[in-house]
Amino acid sequence: MAVINRAKVAGAAAAAVVLAFNIPFLTDLPSLRLTSFIGDFLILDYPFTLPFFRSHDGSHVEDPFICDTQHTYRTELVSLDPLIIYIHNLITPVEISSILRTAEPLFAPSQVTKNGRQLHTSDRTSSSAGLPRDDPAVVCVLGRTRNFLGTMLRNDYDEMGPPQLVRYSAGQRFNIHHDWYDTPRVANDGTSRRWNRIASFFAILESNCTGGETHFPFAKGVAPPSPWGEEQWQGGQIQGEMKTESQPLWREHEDGGLAFRPVAGNALFWVNLHANGSGDTRTKHAGLPLLEGKKTAMNIWPRRYQPDD
């Protein structure tokens, strides 16, 4: 009897060992049900953790990105003419992490466009990285910003354009400039159509820094200064609630206009072109020098094509 019991125990142990060695490969059989292999054992309602989900070479496999289509954000109207809108929580922490992973090996010294040519210049000392438009996190953010634009773009005619990351380290800056082109660019679809950047989104991804504000010299608050000296609106407040920010999100700059400090997840939106398609010089802005740390942001430049139908 003792021999029989020992044989049963040994057989059960052997079955457990076989099962343990086969669990990592069960994930490669999507057409088979896990329960068909392990009978009535308890099935957890959350994914297995490491070391079960590793690639065949032993490296960790990142969880697939899932777009949060229900994500909400909040806006504040900063300036009417030119139109500047501050957007709270436009991009989620998960989206930021995914986009940064994609872009990290792509950064190179930033360039500017002058007379139709891409040039390196001391006016812009940051690094930039182009983003693949088919990346899932990029697709998610572009979809959200496209919905924000509403009727500003025409479906199947205008487009969002390729997004770009820009990164600043201590001492780096981008002197005064505008995002629109003096001469509209020729489309790359073989037609004679031309396009320009109708608007801009500037979304902060990393803000572990001091300095590095975005300065709009010609921006003015919607309400004019009061003759009685009341404090101007500084952004971030919600009616009926105490202000929780230790610093204002934007301030009146000593040289005129408004300066916006970088806050991860938040974004600025502004309209670059007048109704007749010409560039609005009042949208000129600068990336003020970063004092310390690192600032990374995402540029999105929606394209409107000419001629307008």
Protein backbone atom coordinates (compact mmCIF):
# COMPACT_ATOMS: atom_id res chain seq x y z
CA MET A 1 0.00 0.00 0.00
CA ALA A 2 2.85 2.38 0.89
CA VAL A 3 4.41 1.67 -2.51
CA ILE A 4 1.15 2.53 -4.26
CA ASN A 5 0.78 5.81 -2.31
CA ARG A 6 4.36 6.79 -3.10
CA ALA A 7 3.67 6.11 -6.79
CA LYS A 8 0.56 8.32 -6.70
CA VAL A 9 2.49 11.12 -5.03
CA ALA A 10 5.31 10.82 -7.54
CA GLY A 11 2.84 10.86 -10.43
CA ALA A 12 1.08 13.95 -9.13
CA ALA A 13 4.41 15.71 -8.66
CA ALA A 14 5.47 14.83 -12.19
CA ALA A 15 2.19 16.17 -13.59
CA ALA A 16 2.66 19.42 -11.71
CA VAL A 17 6.19 19.80 -13.11
CA VAL A 18 4.96 19.22 -16.67
CA LEU A 19 2.19 21.76 -16.18
CA ALA A 20 4.61 24.35 -14.76
CA PHE A 21 6.95 24.01 -17.73
CA ASN A 22 4.11 24.33 -20.23
CA ILE A 23 2.32 27.39 -18.82
CA PRO A 24 4.67 29.91 -20.59
CA PHE A 25 3.79 28.33 -23.96
CA LEU A 26 0.04 28.23 -23.49
CA THR A 27 -0.12 31.96 -24.36
CA ASP A 28 1.07 31.04 -27.88
CA LEU A 29 -2.11 28.99 -28.45
CA PRO A 30 -4.88 31.60 -28.66
CA SER A 31 -7.32 29.16 -30.25
CA LEU A 32 -7.18 26.77 -27.26
CA ARG A 33 -8.89 27.29 -23.93
CA LEU A 34 -6.62 27.30 -20.89
CA THR A 35 -9.23 25.40 -18.86
CA SER A 36 -8.99 22.44 -21.25
CA PHE A 37 -5.46 21.84 -19.93
CA ILE A 38 -5.91 22.37 -16.21
CA GLY A 39 -9.38 21.09 -15.43
CA ASP A 40 -11.30 22.84 -12.67
CA PHE A 41 -8.38 24.69 -11.09
CA LEU A 42 -8.98 28.31 -10.05
CA ILE A 43 -8.53 30.78 -12.95
CA LEU A 44 -7.30 34.23 -11.87
CA ASP A 45 -9.21 37.25 -13.24
CA TYR A 46 -6.00 39.27 -13.84
CA PRO A 47 -3.00 38.57 -16.11
CA PHE A 48 -0.14 36.38 -14.95
CA THR A 49 2.87 38.38 -13.79
CA LEU A 50 6.51 37.76 -14.57
CA PRO A 51 8.16 35.39 -15.26
CA PHE A 52 5.25 33.89 -17.21
CA PHE A 53 4.97 36.62 -19.87
CA ARG A 54 8.41 36.89 -21.38
CA SER A 55 9.40 36.67 -25.02
CA HIS A 56 11.22 33.54 -26.19
CA ASP A 57 14.58 35.35 -25.85
CA GLY A 58 13.84 36.09 -22.17
CA SER A 59 13.19 39.84 -22.54
CA HIS A 60 10.17 41.49 -20.93
CA VAL A 61 7.21 42.07 -23.24
CA GLU A 62 5.48 45.44 -22.69
CA ASP A 63 1.74 45.40 -22.18
CA PRO A 64 -0.07 46.45 -25.37
CA PHE A 65 -1.12 50.11 -25.44
CA ILE A 66 -4.87 50.67 -25.11
CA CYS A 67 -6.27 54.09 -26.04
CA ASP A 68 -8.50 55.67 -23.41
CA THR A 69 -11.26 56.94 -25.68
CA GLN A 70 -13.23 58.22 -22.65
CA HIS A 71 -10.42 60.45 -21.38
CA THR A 72 -11.60 63.95 -20.50
CA TYR A 73 -9.72 67.22 -20.31
CA ARG A 74 -10.50 70.80 -19.25
CA THR A 75 -9.92 74.03 -21.16
CA GLU A 76 -9.35 77.67 -20.22
CA LEU A 77 -9.69 80.53 -22.67
CA VAL A 78 -6.54 82.65 -22.41
CA SER A 79 -6.68 85.02 -25.36
CA LEU A 80 -9.33 85.80 -27.96
CA ASP A 81 -7.30 87.69 -30.52
CA PRO A 82 -5.12 85.77 -31.24
CA LEU A 83 -6.98 82.71 -30.03
CA ILE A 84 -5.01 80.83 -27.35
CA ILE A 85 -6.55 78.06 -25.24
CA TYR A 86 -4.95 76.29 -22.27
CA ILE A 87 -5.79 72.56 -22.07
CA HIS A 88 -5.50 70.66 -18.78
CA ASN A 89 -4.69 66.91 -18.90
CA LEU A 90 -4.78 66.62 -22.67
CA ILE A 91 -2.37 63.66 -22.61
CA THR A 92 -2.47 60.87 -20.00
CA PRO A 93 0.55 59.51 -18.10
CA VAL A 94 0.21 56.16 -19.92
CA GLU A 95 0.26 57.91 -23.30
CA ILE A 96 3.27 59.99 -22.24
CA SER A 97 5.23 56.90 -21.19
CA SER A 98 4.44 55.08 -24.43
CA ILE A 99 5.33 58.05 -26.66
CA LEU A 100 8.61 58.65 -24.82
CA ARG A 101 9.62 54.99 -25.21
CA THR A 102 8.99 55.22 -28.95
CA ALA A 103 10.83 58.52 -29.39
CA GLU A 104 13.85 58.02 -27.13
CA PRO A 105 16.24 56.63 -29.81
CA LEU A 106 15.07 59.16 -32.43
CA PHE A 107 16.23 62.46 -30.91
CA ALA A 108 18.64 64.59 -32.97
CA PRO A 109 19.64 68.30 -32.94
CA SER A 110 16.67 70.48 -33.87
CA GLN A 111 16.47 72.35 -37.17
CA VAL A 112 14.47 75.30 -38.47
CA THR A 113 13.05 76.01 -41.92
CA LYS A 114 14.43 79.09 -43.68
CA ASN A 115 13.77 79.83 -47.35
CA GLY A 116 12.39 76.31 -47.75
CA ARG A 117 15.52 74.62 -46.35
CA GLN A 118 16.10 72.75 -43.09
CA LEU A 119 18.99 74.36 -41.21
CA HIS A 120 20.75 74.15 -37.87
CA THR A 121 20.85 77.52 -36.14
CA SER A 122 21.85 79.02 -32.80
CA ASP A 123 18.27 80.32 -32.49
CA ARG A 124 17.16 76.79 -31.69
CA THR A 125 19.38 74.63 -29.50
CA SER A 126 17.01 71.82 -28.51
CA SER A 127 16.73 68.23 -29.77
CA SER A 128 13.82 66.89 -31.83
CA ALA A 129 12.34 63.51 -32.71
CA GLY A 130 9.83 62.73 -35.43
CA LEU A 131 7.05 60.37 -34.38
CA PRO A 132 5.58 57.53 -36.48
CA ARG A 133 1.94 58.32 -37.14
CA ASP A 134 0.98 54.64 -36.94
CA ASP A 135 2.24 54.27 -33.36
CA PRO A 136 -0.81 53.36 -31.21
CA ALA A 137 -0.24 56.09 -28.60
CA VAL A 138 0.39 58.68 -31.32
CA VAL A 139 -2.79 57.61 -33.13
CA CYS A 140 -4.69 57.98 -29.86
CA VAL A 141 -3.44 61.52 -29.16
CA LEU A 142 -3.91 62.64 -32.77
CA GLY A 143 -7.48 61.36 -32.69
CA ARG A 144 -8.21 63.34 -29.55
CA THR A 145 -6.70 66.54 -30.92
CA ARG A 146 -8.50 66.05 -34.24
CA ASN A 147 -11.81 65.93 -32.37
CA PHE A 148 -10.83 69.11 -30.52
CA LEU A 149 -10.50 70.93 -33.87
CA GLY A 150 -14.06 70.17 -34.98
CA THR A 151 -14.85 71.90 -38.28
CA MET A 152 -11.47 73.62 -38.50
CA LEU A 153 -10.30 70.76 -40.75
CA ARG A 154 -12.16 69.15 -43.65
CA ASN A 155 -12.35 65.37 -43.58
CA ASP A 156 -10.52 63.56 -46.39
CA TYR A 157 -8.92 66.84 -47.51
CA ASP A 158 -6.97 68.45 -44.66
CA GLU A 159 -4.86 66.41 -42.24
CA MET A 160 -3.24 66.46 -38.81
CA GLY A 161 0.33 66.36 -40.12
CA PRO A 162 3.31 64.50 -38.63
CA PRO A 163 3.84 65.15 -34.90
CA GLN A 164 7.24 65.95 -33.43
CA LEU A 165 8.81 65.85 -29.98
CA VAL A 166 11.17 68.57 -28.80
CA ARG A 167 13.46 68.29 -25.78
CA TYR A 168 15.31 70.99 -23.86
CA SER A 169 18.12 70.55 -21.33
CA ALA A 170 19.78 73.20 -19.18
CA GLY A 171 20.62 76.34 -21.17
CA GLN A 172 18.73 75.35 -24.31
CA ARG A 173 16.09 77.59 -25.88
CA PHE A 174 14.17 78.47 -29.04
CA ASN A 175 14.19 82.16 -29.84
CA ILE A 176 11.14 84.07 -31.07
CA HIS A 177 9.51 82.37 -34.07
CA HIS A 178 6.15 81.44 -35.59
CA ASP A 179 4.88 77.99 -36.60
CA TRP A 180 3.23 78.94 -39.90
CA TYR A 181 5.16 79.17 -43.18
CA ASP A 182 5.68 82.44 -45.03
CA THR A 183 5.04 80.51 -48.26
CA PRO A 184 2.63 77.54 -48.13
CA ARG A 185 4.31 74.19 -48.71
CA VAL A 186 3.63 71.95 -51.72
CA ALA A 187 1.74 68.75 -50.96
CA ASN A 188 3.67 65.50 -51.30
CA ASP A 189 0.76 63.66 -52.93
CA GLY A 190 1.69 64.56 -56.53
CA THR A 191 -0.89 67.35 -56.79
CA SER A 192 -0.38 71.11 -56.98
CA ARG A 193 -2.14 71.67 -53.66
CA ARG A 194 -0.35 73.67 -50.98
CA TRP A 195 -0.75 73.62 -47.22
CA ASN A 196 0.04 75.64 -44.13
CA ARG A 197 -0.18 75.05 -40.40
CA ILE A 198 -3.64 76.32 -39.50
CA ALA A 199 -3.06 75.83 -35.75
CA SER A 200 -0.65 74.41 -33.18
CA PHE A 201 -0.83 72.14 -30.15
CA PHE A 202 2.14 72.28 -27.77
CA ALA A 203 1.72 69.52 -25.17
CA ILE A 204 4.20 69.02 -22.32
CA LEU A 205 5.34 65.43 -21.69
CA GLU A 206 8.16 66.01 -19.17
CA SER A 207 8.46 69.02 -16.87
CA ASN A 208 11.05 68.10 -14.26
CA CYS A 209 12.74 71.46 -14.69
CA THR A 210 12.94 75.11 -13.81
CA GLY A 211 12.63 77.88 -16.37
CA GLY A 212 11.70 76.94 -19.93
CA GLU A 213 8.45 78.90 -20.11
CA THR A 214 6.72 79.41 -23.46
CA HIS A 215 6.48 83.17 -24.03
CA PHE A 216 3.89 84.82 -26.29
CA PRO A 217 4.94 88.52 -26.44
CA PHE A 218 1.69 89.62 -28.13
CA ALA A 219 -0.80 87.56 -26.11
CA LYS A 220 -3.19 89.42 -23.84
CA GLY A 221 -5.74 88.18 -21.35
CA VAL A 222 -9.36 88.29 -22.46
CA ALA A 223 -10.21 90.92 -19.84
CA PRO A 224 -8.26 94.20 -19.85
CA PRO A 225 -6.37 95.23 -16.68
CA SER A 226 -8.62 96.80 -14.09
CA PRO A 227 -8.20 100.50 -13.21
CA TRP A 228 -8.67 99.47 -9.57
CA GLY A 229 -5.73 97.04 -9.62
CA GLU A 230 -7.46 93.71 -9.05
CA GLU A 231 -5.29 90.66 -9.66
CA GLN A 232 -5.42 89.24 -13.18
CA TRP A 233 -6.48 85.66 -13.81
CA GLN A 234 -3.42 83.38 -13.77
CA GLY A 235 -4.86 80.05 -14.80
CA GLY A 236 -5.61 76.78 -13.08
CA GLN A 237 -8.45 77.94 -10.87
CA ILE A 238 -11.91 76.37 -10.80
CA GLN A 239 -14.84 78.51 -9.74
CA GLY A 240 -15.78 77.84 -6.13
CA GLU A 241 -12.58 75.94 -5.33
CA MET A 242 -9.30 76.91 -3.74
CA LYS A 243 -6.34 77.21 -6.06
CA THR A 244 -4.03 74.21 -5.55
CA GLU A 245 -1.12 75.17 -7.81
CA SER A 246 1.90 76.52 -5.95
CA GLN A 247 2.69 78.69 -8.96
CA PRO A 248 0.44 80.22 -11.62
CA LEU A 249 0.22 78.27 -14.85
CA TRP A 250 0.95 81.49 -16.71
CA ARG A 251 1.98 85.00 -15.81
CA GLU A 252 2.37 88.44 -17.34
CA HIS A 253 5.91 88.59 -18.70
CA GLU A 254 8.10 91.56 -17.77
CA ASP A 255 8.70 92.29 -21.49
CA GLY A 256 4.99 92.07 -22.34
CA GLY A 257 2.65 89.26 -23.22
CA LEU A 258 2.17 86.02 -21.31
CA ALA A 259 4.60 83.26 -20.27
CA PHE A 260 3.37 79.69 -19.65
CA ARG A 261 5.31 77.34 -17.42
CA PRO A 262 5.66 73.69 -18.49
CA VAL A 263 3.34 71.19 -16.74
CA ALA A 264 3.37 67.55 -17.87
CA GLY A 265 0.10 66.47 -19.51
CA ASN A 266 -1.10 70.02 -20.16
CA ALA A 267 -1.05 71.78 -23.53
CA LEU A 268 -1.42 75.08 -25.33
CA PHE A 269 -3.52 75.46 -28.47
CA TRP A 270 -3.49 78.49 -30.75
CA VAL A 271 -4.63 79.46 -34.26
CA ASN A 272 -1.81 80.43 -36.63
CA LEU A 273 -3.63 81.79 -39.68
CA HIS A 274 -6.06 84.60 -40.36
CA ALA A 275 -9.32 83.81 -42.17
CA ASN A 276 -7.69 84.73 -45.52
CA GLY A 277 -4.92 82.17 -44.96
CA SER A 278 -2.15 84.63 -44.12
CA GLY A 279 0.01 84.10 -41.04
CA ASP A 280 -0.86 85.83 -37.77
CA THR A 281 2.35 87.50 -36.55
CA ARG A 282 0.82 87.86 -33.08
CA THR A 283 1.30 84.10 -32.58
CA LYS A 284 5.08 84.52 -32.45
CA HIS A 285 6.45 82.80 -29.38
CA ALA A 286 9.69 81.64 -27.80
CA GLY A 287 10.90 78.74 -25.70
CA LEU A 288 12.70 80.59 -22.90
CA PRO A 289 16.03 79.12 -21.72
CA LEU A 290 15.78 76.13 -19.44
CA LEU A 291 17.58 76.78 -16.16
CA GLU A 292 17.93 73.16 -15.04
CA GLY A 293 16.38 69.74 -15.56
CA LYS A 294 14.64 68.45 -18.68
CA LYS A 295 11.58 69.57 -20.62
CA THR A 296 10.03 67.46 -23.38
CA ALA A 297 7.00 68.53 -25.41
CA MET A 298 4.93 67.31 -28.35
CA ASN A 299 4.25 69.56 -31.33
CA ILE A 300 1.13 68.85 -33.40
CA TRP A 301 0.60 71.05 -36.46
CA PRO A 302 -2.73 70.50 -38.27
CA ARG A 303 -2.46 71.19 -42.01
CA ARG A 304 -5.04 73.09 -44.03
CA TYR A 305 -4.73 72.74 -47.80
CA GLN A 306 -5.29 75.40 -50.45
CA PRO A 307 -7.22 76.30 -52.47
CA ASP A 308 -10.14 76.33 -50.07
CA ASP A 309 -13.26 74.80 -51.55
